[in-house]
C-alpha atoms as a PDB file:
ATOM      1  CA  MET A   1     199.491   6.158-151.350  1.00  0.00           C
ATOM      2  CA  ALA A   2     197.950   5.366-154.741  1.00  0.00           C
ATOM      3  CA  ALA A   3     199.925   8.246-156.267  1.00  0.00           C
ATOM      4  CA  THR A   4     203.277   6.934-155.005  1.00  0.00           C
ATOM      5  CA  GLU A   5     202.403   3.446-156.214  1.00  0.00           C
ATOM      6  CA  ALA A   6     201.518   4.793-159.643  1.00  0.00           C
ATOM      7  CA  ALA A   7     204.787   6.748-159.750  1.00  0.00           C
ATOM      8  CA  ASP A   8     206.693   3.601-158.818  1.00  0.00           C
ATOM      9  CA  THR A   9     204.953   1.374-161.355  1.00  0.00           C
ATOM     10  CA  GLN A  10     205.495   3.716-164.284  1.00  0.00           C
ATOM     11  CA  LEU A  11     209.192   2.823-164.178  1.00  0.00           C
ATOM     12  CA  MET A  12     208.966  -0.249-166.416  1.00  0.00           C
ATOM     13  CA  LEU A  13     209.400   0.320-170.146  1.00  0.00           C
ATOM     14  CA  GLY A  14     208.957  -3.101-171.735  1.00  0.00           C
ATOM     15  CA  VAL A  15     209.219  -6.877-171.576  1.00  0.00           C
ATOM     16  CA  GLY A  16     210.690  -9.225-174.176  1.00  0.00           C
ATOM     17  CA  LEU A  17     211.353 -12.901-174.839  1.00  0.00           C
ATOM     18  CA  ILE A  18     214.424 -14.457-176.499  1.00  0.00           C
ATOM     19  CA  GLU A  19     214.552 -18.185-177.275  1.00  0.00           C
ATOM     20  CA  LYS A  20     217.245 -20.666-178.274  1.00  0.00           C
ATOM     21  CA  ASP A  21     215.757 -23.552-180.223  1.00  0.00           C
ATOM     22  CA  THR A  22     216.894 -27.160-180.597  1.00  0.00           C
ATOM     23  CA  ASN A  23     218.861 -26.175-183.748  1.00  0.00           C
ATOM     24  CA  GLY A  24     220.909 -23.726-181.675  1.00  0.00           C
ATOM     25  CA  GLU A  25     219.304 -20.664-183.273  1.00  0.00           C
ATOM     26  CA  VAL A  26     218.664 -17.656-181.061  1.00  0.00           C
ATOM     27  CA  LEU A  27     215.603 -15.570-181.897  1.00  0.00           C
ATOM     28  CA  TRP A  28     213.870 -12.497-180.531  1.00  0.00           C
ATOM     29  CA  VAL A  29     210.395 -14.044-180.262  1.00  0.00           C
ATOM     30  CA  TRP A  30     208.099 -11.491-178.648  1.00  0.00           C
ATOM     31  CA  CYS A  31     207.957  -8.145-176.860  1.00  0.00           C
ATOM     32  CA  TYR A  32     205.430  -5.780-175.339  1.00  0.00           C
ATOM     33  CA  PRO A  33     205.104  -2.957-176.240  1.00  0.00           C
ATOM     34  CA  SER A  34     207.264  -2.624-179.376  1.00  0.00           C
ATOM     35  CA  THR A  35     211.003  -1.941-179.220  1.00  0.00           C
ATOM     36  CA  THR A  36     213.607  -0.417-181.545  1.00  0.00           C
ATOM     37  CA  ALA A  37     215.928  -2.512-183.728  1.00  0.00           C
ATOM     38  CA  THR A  38     218.943  -0.965-181.946  1.00  0.00           C
ATOM     39  CA  LEU A  39     217.711  -1.944-178.497  1.00  0.00           C
ATOM     40  CA  ARG A  40     216.691  -5.397-179.695  1.00  0.00           C
ATOM     41  CA  ASN A  41     220.191  -6.045-181.108  1.00  0.00           C
ATOM     42  CA  LEU A  42     221.764  -4.771-177.892  1.00  0.00           C
ATOM     43  CA  LEU A  43     219.617  -7.085-175.742  1.00  0.00           C
ATOM     44  CA  LEU A  44     220.378 -10.078-177.979  1.00  0.00           C
ATOM     45  CA  ARG A  45     224.066  -9.271-177.452  1.00  0.00           C
ATOM     46  CA  LYS A  46     223.664  -9.018-173.683  1.00  0.00           C
ATOM     47  CA  CYS A  47     221.651 -12.206-173.349  1.00  0.00           C
ATOM     48  CA  CYS A  48     224.116 -15.080-172.854  1.00  0.00           C
ATOM     49  CA  LEU A  49     222.328 -17.326-175.384  1.00  0.00           C
ATOM     50  CA  THR A  50     224.180 -15.639-178.255  1.00  0.00           C
ATOM     51  CA  ASP A  51     227.513 -16.109-176.464  1.00  0.00           C
ATOM     52  CA  GLU A  52     229.970 -18.482-178.107  1.00  0.00           C
ATOM     53  CA  ASN A  53     231.294 -19.954-174.852  1.00  0.00           C
ATOM     54  CA  LYS A  54     227.885 -21.459-173.916  1.00  0.00           C
ATOM     55  CA  LEU A  55     228.123 -20.261-170.308  1.00  0.00           C
ATOM     56  CA  LEU A  56     224.735 -19.641-168.752  1.00  0.00           C
ATOM     57  CA  HIS A  57     224.416 -16.377-166.809  1.00  0.00           C
ATOM     58  CA  PRO A  58     221.183 -16.599-164.795  1.00  0.00           C
ATOM     59  CA  PHE A  59     220.886 -12.807-164.406  1.00  0.00           C
ATOM     60  CA  VAL A  60     222.602  -9.804-165.981  1.00  0.00           C
ATOM     61  CA  PHE A  61     221.818  -6.108-165.876  1.00  0.00           C
ATOM     62  CA  GLY A  62     223.134  -2.875-167.326  1.00  0.00           C
ATOM     63  CA  GLN A  63     222.276   0.471-168.817  1.00  0.00           C
ATOM     64  CA  TYR A  64     222.195   1.872-172.326  1.00  0.00           C
ATOM     65  CA  ARG A  65     221.279   5.525-173.001  1.00  0.00           C
ATOM     66  CA  ARG A  66     219.374   5.874-169.721  1.00  0.00           C
ATOM     67  CA  THR A  67     217.417   2.641-170.230  1.00  0.00           C
ATOM     68  CA  TRP A  68     218.177  -0.107-167.704  1.00  0.00           C
ATOM     69  CA  PHE A  69     217.951  -3.717-168.871  1.00  0.00           C
ATOM     70  CA  TYR A  70     217.515  -6.826-166.734  1.00  0.00           C
ATOM     71  CA  ILE A  71     217.819 -10.302-168.265  1.00  0.00           C
ATOM     72  CA  THR A  72     217.037 -13.637-166.620  1.00  0.00           C
ATOM     73  CA  THR A  73     217.974 -16.783-168.552  1.00  0.00           C
ATOM     74  CA  VAL A  74     216.861 -20.355-167.838  1.00  0.00           C
ATOM     75  CA  GLU A  75     217.384 -23.808-169.284  1.00  0.00           C
ATOM     76  CA  VAL A  76     214.157 -25.543-170.312  1.00  0.00           C
ATOM     77  CA  PRO A  77     213.645 -28.869-168.495  1.00  0.00           C
ATOM     78  CA  ASP A  78     212.530 -31.896-170.549  1.00  0.00           C
ATOM     79  CA  SER A  79     209.199 -31.933-168.708  1.00  0.00           C
ATOM     80  CA  SER A  80     208.236 -28.468-170.007  1.00  0.00           C
ATOM     81  CA  ILE A  81     205.610 -27.903-172.710  1.00  0.00           C
ATOM     82  CA  LEU A  82     208.248 -25.924-174.623  1.00  0.00           C
ATOM     83  CA  LYS A  83     209.409 -28.882-176.726  1.00  0.00           C
ATOM     84  CA  LYS A  84     211.478 -27.064-179.358  1.00  0.00           C
ATOM     85  CA  VAL A  85     213.203 -24.627-177.006  1.00  0.00           C
ATOM     86  CA  THR A  86     216.379 -25.437-175.029  1.00  0.00           C
ATOM     87  CA  HIS A  87     216.807 -22.070-173.249  1.00  0.00           C
ATOM     88  CA  PHE A  88     215.070 -18.721-173.059  1.00  0.00           C
ATOM     89  CA  SER A  89     215.686 -15.255-171.646  1.00  0.00           C
ATOM     90  CA  ILE A  90     213.130 -12.832-170.252  1.00  0.00           C
ATOM     91  CA  VAL A  91     214.179  -9.217-170.749  1.00  0.00           C
ATOM     92  CA  LEU A  92     212.798  -6.261-168.803  1.00  0.00           C
ATOM     93  CA  THR A  93     213.655  -2.657-169.587  1.00  0.00           C
ATOM     94  CA  ALA A  94     213.027   0.099-167.054  1.00  0.00           C
ATOM     95  CA  LYS A  95     213.863   3.643-166.037  1.00  0.00           C
ATOM     96  CA  ASP A  96     215.264   2.712-162.625  1.00  0.00           C
ATOM     97  CA  PHE A  97     218.230   0.850-161.146  1.00  0.00           C
ATOM     98  CA  ASN A  98     216.938  -2.002-158.981  1.00  0.00           C
ATOM     99  CA  PRO A  99     218.474  -5.401-159.848  1.00  0.00           C
ATOM    100  CA  GLU A 100     216.827  -7.259-156.955  1.00  0.00           C
ATOM    101  CA  LYS A 101     213.352  -6.013-157.891  1.00  0.00           C
ATOM    102  CA  TYR A 102     213.619  -6.980-161.540  1.00  0.00           C
ATOM    103  CA  ALA A 103     215.406 -10.276-160.848  1.00  0.00           C
ATOM    104  CA  ALA A 104     212.464 -11.269-158.648  1.00  0.00           C
ATOM    105  CA  PHE A 105     209.895 -10.247-161.262  1.00  0.00           C
ATOM    106  CA  THR A 106     211.684 -11.877-164.226  1.00  0.00           C
ATOM    107  CA  ARG A 107     211.975 -15.141-162.245  1.00  0.00           C
ATOM    108  CA  ILE A 108     208.178 -15.166-161.835  1.00  0.00           C
ATOM    109  CA  LEU A 109     207.717 -14.476-165.561  1.00  0.00           C
ATOM    110  CA  CYS A 110     210.118 -17.351-166.375  1.00  0.00           C
ATOM    111  CA  ARG A 111     208.072 -19.765-164.248  1.00  0.00           C
ATOM    112  CA  MET A 112     204.908 -18.630-166.042  1.00  0.00           C
ATOM    113  CA  TYR A 113     206.419 -19.196-169.478  1.00  0.00           C
ATOM    114  CA  LEU A 114     207.733 -22.634-168.499  1.00  0.00           C
ATOM    115  CA  LYS A 115     204.252 -23.591-167.324  1.00  0.00           C
ATOM    116  CA  HIS A 116     202.066 -22.088-170.051  1.00  0.00           C
ATOM    117  CA  GLY A 117     204.410 -21.895-173.042  1.00  0.00           C
ATOM    118  CA  SER A 118     202.746 -18.680-174.198  1.00  0.00           C
ATOM    119  CA  PRO A 119     203.600 -15.013-173.588  1.00  0.00           C
ATOM    120  CA  VAL A 120     199.934 -14.139-172.831  1.00  0.00           C
ATOM    121  CA  LYS A 121     200.193 -14.833-169.086  1.00  0.00           C
ATOM    122  CA  MET A 122     203.462 -12.907-168.940  1.00  0.00           C
ATOM    123  CA  MET A 123     201.866  -9.912-170.582  1.00  0.00           C
ATOM    124  CA  GLU A 124     198.959 -10.010-168.122  1.00  0.00           C
ATOM    125  CA  SER A 125     201.378 -10.022-165.177  1.00  0.00           C
ATOM    126  CA  TYR A 126     203.482  -7.277-166.717  1.00  0.00           C
ATOM    127  CA  ILE A 127     200.415  -5.059-167.152  1.00  0.00           C
ATOM    128  CA  ALA A 128     199.279  -5.848-163.583  1.00  0.00           C
ATOM    129  CA  VAL A 129     202.640  -4.710-162.193  1.00  0.00           C
ATOM    130  CA  LEU A 130     202.713  -1.710-164.518  1.00  0.00           C
ATOM    131  CA  THR A 131     199.283  -0.500-163.410  1.00  0.00           C
ATOM    132  CA  LYS A 132     198.949  -1.769-159.830  1.00  0.00           C
ATOM    133  CA  GLY A 133     202.502  -2.564-158.717  1.00  0.00           C
ATOM    134  CA  ILE A 134     201.526  -6.150-157.907  1.00  0.00           C
ATOM    135  CA  CYS A 135     201.016  -9.556-159.487  1.00  0.00           C
ATOM    136  CA  GLN A 136     199.807 -12.544-157.544  1.00  0.00           C
ATOM    137  CA  SER A 137     199.745 -16.180-158.501  1.00  0.00           C
ATOM    138  CA  GLU A 138     199.721 -19.132-156.179  1.00  0.00           C
ATOM    139  CA  GLU A 139     201.992 -21.455-158.128  1.00  0.00           C
ATOM    140  CA  ASN A 140     204.438 -18.901-159.576  1.00  0.00           C
ATOM    141  CA  GLY A 141     204.881 -16.619-156.561  1.00  0.00           C
ATOM    142  CA  SER A 142     203.720 -13.078-155.856  1.00  0.00           C
ATOM    143  CA  PHE A 143     205.505  -9.853-156.622  1.00  0.00           C
ATOM    144  CA  LEU A 144     204.994  -6.479-154.973  1.00  0.00           C
ATOM    145  CA  SER A 145     206.845  -3.487-156.435  1.00  0.00           C
ATOM    146  CA  LYS A 146     206.981  -1.520-153.213  1.00  0.00           C
ATOM    147  CA  ASP A 147     208.841  -4.321-151.401  1.00  0.00           C
ATOM    148  CA  PHE A 148     211.938  -3.202-153.308  1.00  0.00           C
ATOM    149  CA  ASP A 149     213.176   0.127-152.021  1.00  0.00           C
ATOM    150  CA  THR A 150     215.663   2.069-154.193  1.00  0.00           C
ATOM    151  CA  ARG A 151     217.890   2.767-151.179  1.00  0.00           C
ATOM    152  CA  LYS A 152     218.170  -0.978-150.578  1.00  0.00           C
ATOM    153  CA  ALA A 153     219.362  -1.426-154.163  1.00  0.00           C
ATOM    154  CA  TYR A 154     221.964   1.314-153.605  1.00  0.00           C
ATOM    155  CA  LEU A 155     223.209  -0.409-150.447  1.00  0.00           C
ATOM    156  CA  ALA A 156     223.132  -4.001-151.730  1.00  0.00           C
ATOM    157  CA  GLY A 157     226.828  -4.184-152.657  1.00  0.00           C
ATOM    158  CA  SER A 158     229.685  -4.483-150.179  1.00  0.00           C
ATOM    159  CA  ILE A 159     232.120  -1.572-149.728  1.00  0.00           C
ATOM    160  CA  LYS A 160     233.951  -3.735-147.189  1.00  0.00           C
ATOM    161  CA  ASP A 161     234.713  -6.327-149.891  1.00  0.00           C
ATOM    162  CA  ILE A 162     236.152  -3.619-152.157  1.00  0.00           C
ATOM    163  CA  VAL A 163     238.382  -2.291-149.354  1.00  0.00           C
ATOM    164  CA  SER A 164     239.524  -5.790-148.378  1.00  0.00           C
ATOM    165  CA  GLN A 165     240.636  -6.295-152.006  1.00  0.00           C
ATOM    166  CA  PHE A 166     242.219  -2.883-152.668  1.00  0.00           C
ATOM    167  CA  GLY A 167     243.075  -1.447-149.224  1.00  0.00           C
ATOM    168  CA  MET A 168     244.514   2.087-149.373  1.00  0.00           C
ATOM    169  CA  GLU A 169     244.141   2.092-153.174  1.00  0.00           C
ATOM    170  CA  THR A 170     240.375   2.429-152.652  1.00  0.00           C
ATOM    171  CA  VAL A 171     241.114   6.162-152.286  1.00  0.00           C
ATOM    172  CA  ILE A 172     241.991   6.230-156.008  1.00  0.00           C
ATOM    173  CA  LEU A 173     238.439   5.072-156.754  1.00  0.00           C
ATOM    174  CA  HIS A 174     236.987   7.585-154.283  1.00  0.00           C
ATOM    175  CA  THR A 175     239.000  10.433-155.847  1.00  0.00           C
ATOM    176  CA  ALA A 176     238.039   9.414-159.396  1.00  0.00           C
ATOM    177  CA  LEU A 177     234.358   9.361-158.421  1.00  0.00           C
ATOM    178  CA  MET A 178     234.570  12.684-156.586  1.00  0.00           C
ATOM    179  CA  LEU A 179     236.122  14.239-159.702  1.00  0.00           C
ATOM    180  CA  LYS A 180     233.567  12.552-162.025  1.00  0.00           C
ATOM    181  CA  LYS A 181     236.268  10.682-163.902  1.00  0.00           C
ATOM    182  CA  ARG A 182     235.814   7.682-166.214  1.00  0.00           C
ATOM    183  CA  ILE A 183     236.385   4.330-164.485  1.00  0.00           C
ATOM    184  CA  VAL A 184     236.609   1.095-166.477  1.00  0.00           C
ATOM    185  CA  VAL A 185     236.431  -2.239-164.635  1.00  0.00           C
ATOM    186  CA  TYR A 186     237.517  -5.550-166.190  1.00  0.00           C
ATOM    187  CA  HIS A 187     236.943  -9.125-165.048  1.00  0.00           C
ATOM    188  CA  PRO A 188     236.290 -12.182-167.249  1.00  0.00           C
ATOM    189  CA  LYS A 189     233.203 -13.058-165.165  1.00  0.00           C
ATOM    190  CA  ILE A 190     230.219 -10.758-165.654  1.00  0.00           C
ATOM    191  CA  GLU A 191     228.881 -11.523-162.153  1.00  0.00           C
ATOM    192  CA  ALA A 192     232.118 -10.208-160.575  1.00  0.00           C
ATOM    193  CA  VAL A 193     232.024  -7.079-162.764  1.00  0.00           C
ATOM    194  CA  GLN A 194     228.404  -6.341-161.846  1.00  0.00           C
ATOM    195  CA  GLU A 195     228.853  -6.873-158.113  1.00  0.00           C
ATOM    196  CA  PHE A 196     231.899  -4.600-157.979  1.00  0.00           C
ATOM    197  CA  THR A 197     230.679  -1.813-160.265  1.00  0.00           C
ATOM    198  CA  ARG A 198     227.229  -1.504-158.688  1.00  0.00           C
ATOM    199  CA  THR A 199     228.863  -0.794-155.315  1.00  0.00           C
ATOM    200  CA  LEU A 200     231.212   2.000-156.454  1.00  0.00           C
ATOM    201  CA  PRO A 201     228.660   4.887-156.591  1.00  0.00           C
ATOM    202  CA  ALA A 202     228.169   4.412-152.832  1.00  0.00           C
ATOM    203  CA  LEU A 203     231.666   5.882-152.334  1.00  0.00           C
ATOM    204  CA  VAL A 204     230.113   9.243-153.292  1.00  0.00           C
ATOM    205  CA  TRP A 205     226.867   8.685-151.380  1.00  0.00           C
ATOM    206  CA  HIS A 206     226.080  12.425-151.207  1.00  0.00           C
ATOM    207  CA  ARG A 207     225.199  12.298-154.917  1.00  0.00           C
ATOM    208  CA  GLN A 208     223.137   9.085-154.777  1.00  0.00           C
ATOM    209  CA  ASP A 209     223.624   8.870-158.518  1.00  0.00           C
ATOM    210  CA  TRP A 210     223.556   5.414-160.075  1.00  0.00           C
ATOM    211  CA  THR A 211     223.017   6.803-163.592  1.00  0.00           C
ATOM    212  CA  ILE A 212     226.838   6.825-163.863  1.00  0.00           C
ATOM    213  CA  LEU A 213     226.787   3.003-163.724  1.00  0.00           C
ATOM    214  CA  HIS A 214     227.110   0.986-166.955  1.00  0.00           C
ATOM    215  CA  SER A 215     227.717  -2.447-165.491  1.00  0.00           C
ATOM    216  CA  TYR A 216     227.814  -4.482-168.721  1.00  0.00           C
ATOM    217  CA  VAL A 217     229.340  -2.907-171.817  1.00  0.00           C
ATOM    218  CA  HIS A 218     230.545  -4.558-175.034  1.00  0.00           C
ATOM    219  CA  LEU A 219     233.210  -3.050-177.281  1.00  0.00           C
ATOM    220  CA  ASP A 220     230.585  -2.269-179.928  1.00  0.00           C
ATOM    221  CA  ALA A 221     230.535   1.092-181.662  1.00  0.00           C
ATOM    222  CA  ASP A 222     227.004   2.126-180.628  1.00  0.00           C
ATOM    223  CA  GLU A 223     227.586   1.226-176.962  1.00  0.00           C
ATOM    224  CA  LEU A 224     230.926   3.024-176.814  1.00  0.00           C
ATOM    225  CA  GLU A 225     229.461   6.077-178.499  1.00  0.00           C
ATOM    226  CA  ALA A 226     226.650   6.181-175.903  1.00  0.00           C
ATOM    227  CA  LEU A 227     229.191   5.733-173.099  1.00  0.00           C
ATOM    228  CA  GLN A 228     231.478   8.493-174.336  1.00  0.00           C
ATOM    229  CA  MET A 229     228.612  10.976-174.262  1.00  0.00           C
ATOM    230  CA  CYS A 230     228.624  10.672-170.444  1.00  0.00           C
ATOM    231  CA  PRO A 231     230.981  13.079-168.628  1.00  0.00           C
ATOM    232  CA  GLY A 232     231.996  10.541-165.978  1.00  0.00           C
ATOM    233  CA  TYR A 233     231.066   6.880-165.593  1.00  0.00           C
ATOM    234  CA  ILE A 234     231.746   3.437-164.180  1.00  0.00           C
ATOM    235  CA  ALA A 235     231.799   0.895-167.016  1.00  0.00           C
ATOM    236  CA  GLY A 236     232.137  -2.877-166.689  1.00  0.00           C
ATOM    237  CA  PHE A 237     233.675  -5.123-169.365  1.00  0.00           C
ATOM    238  CA  VAL A 238     234.420  -8.844-169.678  1.00  0.00           C
ATOM    239  CA  ASP A 239     236.736  -8.385-172.688  1.00  0.00           C
ATOM    240  CA  LEU A 240     240.383  -7.754-171.744  1.00  0.00           C
ATOM    241  CA  GLU A 241     240.795  -5.885-175.050  1.00  0.00           C
ATOM    242  CA  VAL A 242     239.347  -2.869-173.184  1.00  0.00           C
ATOM    243  CA  SER A 243     242.687  -2.464-171.369  1.00  0.00           C
ATOM    244  CA  ASN A 244     244.149  -1.242-174.688  1.00  0.00           C
ATOM    245  CA  ARG A 245     241.403   1.368-175.090  1.00  0.00           C
ATOM    246  CA  SER A 246     242.982   4.183-173.061  1.00  0.00           C
ATOM    247  CA  ASP A 247     240.569   6.600-174.787  1.00  0.00           C
ATOM    248  CA  LEU A 248     237.793   5.077-172.645  1.00  0.00           C
ATOM    249  CA  TYR A 249     239.187   5.530-169.132  1.00  0.00           C
ATOM    250  CA  ASP A 250     240.942   7.748-166.621  1.00  0.00           C
ATOM    251  CA  VAL A 251     241.200   4.861-164.151  1.00  0.00           C
ATOM    252  CA  PHE A 252     241.412   1.192-165.153  1.00  0.00           C
ATOM    253  CA  VAL A 253     240.573  -1.522-162.629  1.00  0.00           C
ATOM    254  CA  ASN A 254     241.730  -5.051-163.446  1.00  0.00           C
ATOM    255  CA  LEU A 255     239.563  -6.838-160.932  1.00  0.00           C
ATOM    256  CA  ALA A 256     240.984 -10.261-161.803  1.00  0.00           C
ATOM    257  CA  ASP A 257     244.530  -9.137-160.898  1.00  0.00           C
ATOM    258  CA  SER A 258     243.511  -6.629-158.181  1.00  0.00           C
ATOM    259  CA  GLU A 259     245.302  -3.799-160.003  1.00  0.00           C
ATOM    260  CA  ILE A 260     244.294  -0.158-160.396  1.00  0.00           C
ATOM    261  CA  THR A 261     245.974   1.980-163.073  1.00  0.00           C
ATOM    262  CA  ILE A 262     245.625   5.743-163.564  1.00  0.00           C
ATOM    263  CA  ALA A 263     245.807   6.763-167.234  1.00  0.00           C
ATOM    264  CA  PRO A 264     248.674   9.195-168.055  1.00  0.00           C
ATOM    265  CA  LEU A 265     246.293  12.022-169.032  1.00  0.00           C
ATOM    266  CA  ALA A 266     244.442  11.773-165.702  1.00  0.00           C
ATOM    267  CA  LYS A 267     247.560  11.748-163.492  1.00  0.00           C
ATOM    268  CA  GLU A 268     247.697  15.512-162.977  1.00  0.00           C
ATOM    269  CA  ALA A 269     244.080  15.784-161.725  1.00  0.00           C
ATOM    270  CA  MET A 270     244.507  12.593-159.674  1.00  0.00           C
ATOM    271  CA  THR A 271     247.735  13.622-157.867  1.00  0.00           C
ATOM    272  CA  MET A 272     247.597  12.161-154.363  1.00  0.00           C
ATOM    273  CA  GLY A 273     248.662  14.078-151.264  1.00  0.00           C
ATOM    274  CA  LYS A 274     248.196  14.309-147.496  1.00  0.00           C
ATOM    275  CA  LEU A 275     244.417  14.792-147.785  1.00  0.00           C
ATOM    276  CA  HIS A 276     244.062  11.618-149.862  1.00  0.00           C
ATOM    277  CA  LYS A 277     246.161   9.684-147.360  1.00  0.00           C
ATOM    278  CA  GLU A 278     243.792  10.844-144.600  1.00  0.00           C
ATOM    279  CA  ILE A 279     240.737   9.806-146.620  1.00  0.00           C
ATOM    280  CA  GLY A 280     242.344   6.452-147.491  1.00  0.00           C
ATOM    281  CA  GLN A 281     243.164   5.729-143.848  1.00  0.00           C
ATOM    282  CA  LEU A 282     239.631   6.614-142.771  1.00  0.00           C
ATOM    283  CA  ILE A 283     238.130   4.307-145.443  1.00  0.00           C
ATOM    284  CA  VAL A 284     240.397   1.400-144.461  1.00  0.00           C
ATOM    285  CA  GLN A 285     239.909   1.852-140.694  1.00  0.00           C
ATOM    286  CA  SER A 286     236.156   2.061-141.036  1.00  0.00           C
ATOM    287  CA  ALA A 287     235.903  -0.923-143.422  1.00  0.00           C
ATOM    288  CA  GLU A 288     238.169  -3.107-141.267  1.00  0.00           C
ATOM    289  CA  ASP A 289     236.069  -2.515-138.137  1.00  0.00           C
ATOM    290  CA  PRO A 290     234.186  -5.812-137.642  1.00  0.00           C
ATOM    291  CA  GLU A 291     231.507  -3.986-135.645  1.00  0.00           C
ATOM    292  CA  LYS A 292     230.560  -1.774-138.592  1.00  0.00           C
ATOM    293  CA  SER A 293     228.077  -2.681-141.304  1.00  0.00           C
ATOM    294  CA  ASP A 294     228.562  -1.672-144.943  1.00  0.00           C
ATOM    295  CA  SER A 295     226.035   1.147-144.560  1.00  0.00           C
ATOM    296  CA  GLN A 296     227.954   2.508-141.533  1.00  0.00           C
ATOM    297  CA  VAL A 297     231.160   2.487-143.596  1.00  0.00           C
ATOM    298  CA  ILE A 298     229.344   4.406-146.345  1.00  0.00           C
ATOM    299  CA  GLN A 299     228.143   6.882-143.715  1.00  0.00           C
ATOM    300  CA  ASP A 300     231.710   7.405-142.426  1.00  0.00           C
ATOM    301  CA  ILE A 301     233.011   8.062-145.952  1.00  0.00           C
ATOM    302  CA  SER A 302     230.074  10.378-146.622  1.00  0.00           C
ATOM    303  CA  LEU A 303     230.834  12.456-143.508  1.00  0.00           C
ATOM    304  CA  LYS A 304     234.463  12.817-144.631  1.00  0.00           C
ATOM    305  CA  THR A 305     233.231  13.856-148.101  1.00  0.00           C
ATOM    306  CA  LYS A 306     230.980  16.527-146.552  1.00  0.00           C
ATOM    307  CA  GLU A 307     234.014  17.803-144.644  1.00  0.00           C
ATOM    308  CA  ILE A 308     235.867  18.242-147.970  1.00  0.00           C
ATOM    309  CA  PHE A 309     232.980  20.288-149.348  1.00  0.00           C
ATOM    310  CA  THR A 310     232.991  22.354-146.151  1.00  0.00           C
ATOM    311  CA  ASN A 311     236.699  23.057-146.813  1.00  0.00           C
ATOM    312  CA  LEU A 312     235.795  24.249-150.288  1.00  0.00           C
ATOM    313  CA  ALA A 313     232.948  26.526-149.126  1.00  0.00           C
ATOM    314  CA  PRO A 314     235.077  29.516-147.939  1.00  0.00           C
ATOM    315  CA  PHE A 315     236.620  29.781-151.426  1.00  0.00           C
ATOM    316  CA  SER A 316     233.316  29.953-153.239  1.00  0.00           C
ATOM    317  CA  GLU A 317     231.198  33.002-153.948  1.00  0.00           C
ATOM    318  CA  VAL A 318     227.926  33.726-155.668  1.00  0.00           C
ATOM    319  CA  SER A 319     228.417  34.054-159.436  1.00  0.00           C
ATOM    320  CA  ASP A 320     227.841  37.386-161.207  1.00  0.00           C
ATOM    321  CA  ASP A 321     224.392  36.327-162.373  1.00  0.00           C
ATOM    322  CA  GLY A 322     223.539  35.221-158.816  1.00  0.00           C
ATOM    323  CA  GLU A 323     222.584  31.760-160.086  1.00  0.00           C
ATOM    324  CA  LYS A 324     225.134  29.529-158.353  1.00  0.00           C
ATOM    325  CA  ARG A 325     228.286  29.398-156.273  1.00  0.00           C
ATOM    326  CA  VAL A 326     231.610  29.568-158.105  1.00  0.00           C
ATOM    327  CA  LEU A 327     235.205  29.086-157.003  1.00  0.00           C
ATOM    328  CA  ASN A 328     237.313  32.116-156.143  1.00  0.00           C
ATOM    329  CA  TYR A 329     240.615  30.648-157.292  1.00  0.00           C
ATOM    330  CA  GLU A 330     242.706  33.525-155.896  1.00  0.00           C
ATOM    331  CA  ALA A 331     241.266  32.968-152.413  1.00  0.00           C
ATOM    332  CA  LEU A 332     242.046  29.246-152.700  1.00  0.00           C
ATOM    333  CA  LYS A 333     245.670  29.971-153.728  1.00  0.00           C
ATOM    334  CA  GLN A 334     246.155  32.456-150.862  1.00  0.00           C
ATOM    335  CA  ARG A 335     245.210  29.739-148.376  1.00  0.00           C
ATOM    336  CA  ARG A 336     248.483  27.974-149.314  1.00  0.00           C
ATOM    337  CA  PHE A 337     247.241  24.392-149.072  1.00  0.00           C
ATOM    338  CA  PRO A 338     249.770  21.654-149.982  1.00  0.00           C
ATOM    339  CA  PRO A 339     249.922  21.554-153.821  1.00  0.00           C
ATOM    340  CA  ALA A 340     248.103  18.187-154.087  1.00  0.00           C
ATOM    341  CA  THR A 341     245.237  19.422-151.868  1.00  0.00           C
ATOM    342  CA  GLU A 342     244.875  22.693-153.775  1.00  0.00           C
ATOM    343  CA  ASN A 343     244.958  20.767-157.055  1.00  0.00           C
ATOM    344  CA  PHE A 344     242.280  18.342-155.810  1.00  0.00           C
ATOM    345  CA  LEU A 345     239.992  21.115-154.537  1.00  0.00           C
ATOM    346  CA  TYR A 346     240.353  22.951-157.862  1.00  0.00           C
ATOM    347  CA  HIS A 347     239.453  19.820-159.866  1.00  0.00           C
ATOM    348  CA  LEU A 348     236.595  19.073-157.452  1.00  0.00           C
ATOM    349  CA  ALA A 349     235.212  22.564-158.077  1.00  0.00           C
ATOM    350  CA  ALA A 350     235.487  21.846-161.814  1.00  0.00           C
ATOM    351  CA  ALA A 351     233.611  18.556-161.398  1.00  0.00           C
ATOM    352  CA  GLU A 352     230.877  20.363-159.447  1.00  0.00           C
ATOM    353  CA  GLN A 353     230.673  22.995-162.243  1.00  0.00           C
ATOM    354  CA  MET A 354     231.904  25.733-159.911  1.00  0.00           C
ATOM    355  CA  LEU A 355     234.487  27.263-162.240  1.00  0.00           C
ATOM    356  CA  LYS A 356     233.908  30.690-163.764  1.00  0.00           C
ATOM    357  CA  ILE A 357     233.298  30.330-167.491  1.00  0.00           C
END
């Protein structure tokens, strides 16, 4: 038990504090342990206090080069001992994706800072969670790391909401994810972007891979460079300018207008056929069933996905070095599938690194 707790608690990387003072200046005030200038600039950019439009976003999260960031921002009430501060953000960085866990913990840290006006108490709580997985305080609430299961975080979004918005077109998203393509999602509201993007990896549940998620990206050179190093991803933007950056996506989702566009260069790999129609119908039927929960819909899609891999199995063979299974393309061609199905299975094998080099 102690071992699993220790493994769970070693996921946090750091905590930081950003303040906006009465002169409207935004400053990185404190962090534990130290951080890099690059990460500090990124977190200042993500925290809504530096935003021109003055909109307060209570909680944002995202990923940058395999480091997850979680930022909770609050307005300082007049009654607080923080007399020269109008707003502040608490930033947590971690190795794992779990927005609910870190939202709960940053809220507790915010209450502590409002009460004591010093980062000392925050640091004590951070170290307590880091070492024991728990921090308890009567007035600020208790936090227990193991209350927040990773699977719960994976299942927190709603597939049903996505299907009710996009219907049969959801199969485009499923296909793009299966083929490890680059998906860019735009909406002017960061909350909408985050809710939608965090749910997408569940369409390929067999991988359980949320490292492909970059739910809050700015069009800044360092962020785009980090993003483009990933083979396939889901990236969320609030700047419509991203729609003109066709070098960043294979599939573009304009969430505000409920439109999905496939980039010209991705059209060949993403050709839809009878198999995709079947998958699309299954997704829609399952999601529209009022008796089914989101996790049951995910299970239905996952079973269909497994079936696709079963279809691929007879055309794979052990590679010459005996290390892994590779596609026997001749055997696949002899099966005479409809062209779109053969094309999809070939690109799926490529995505799964099953092609002979």
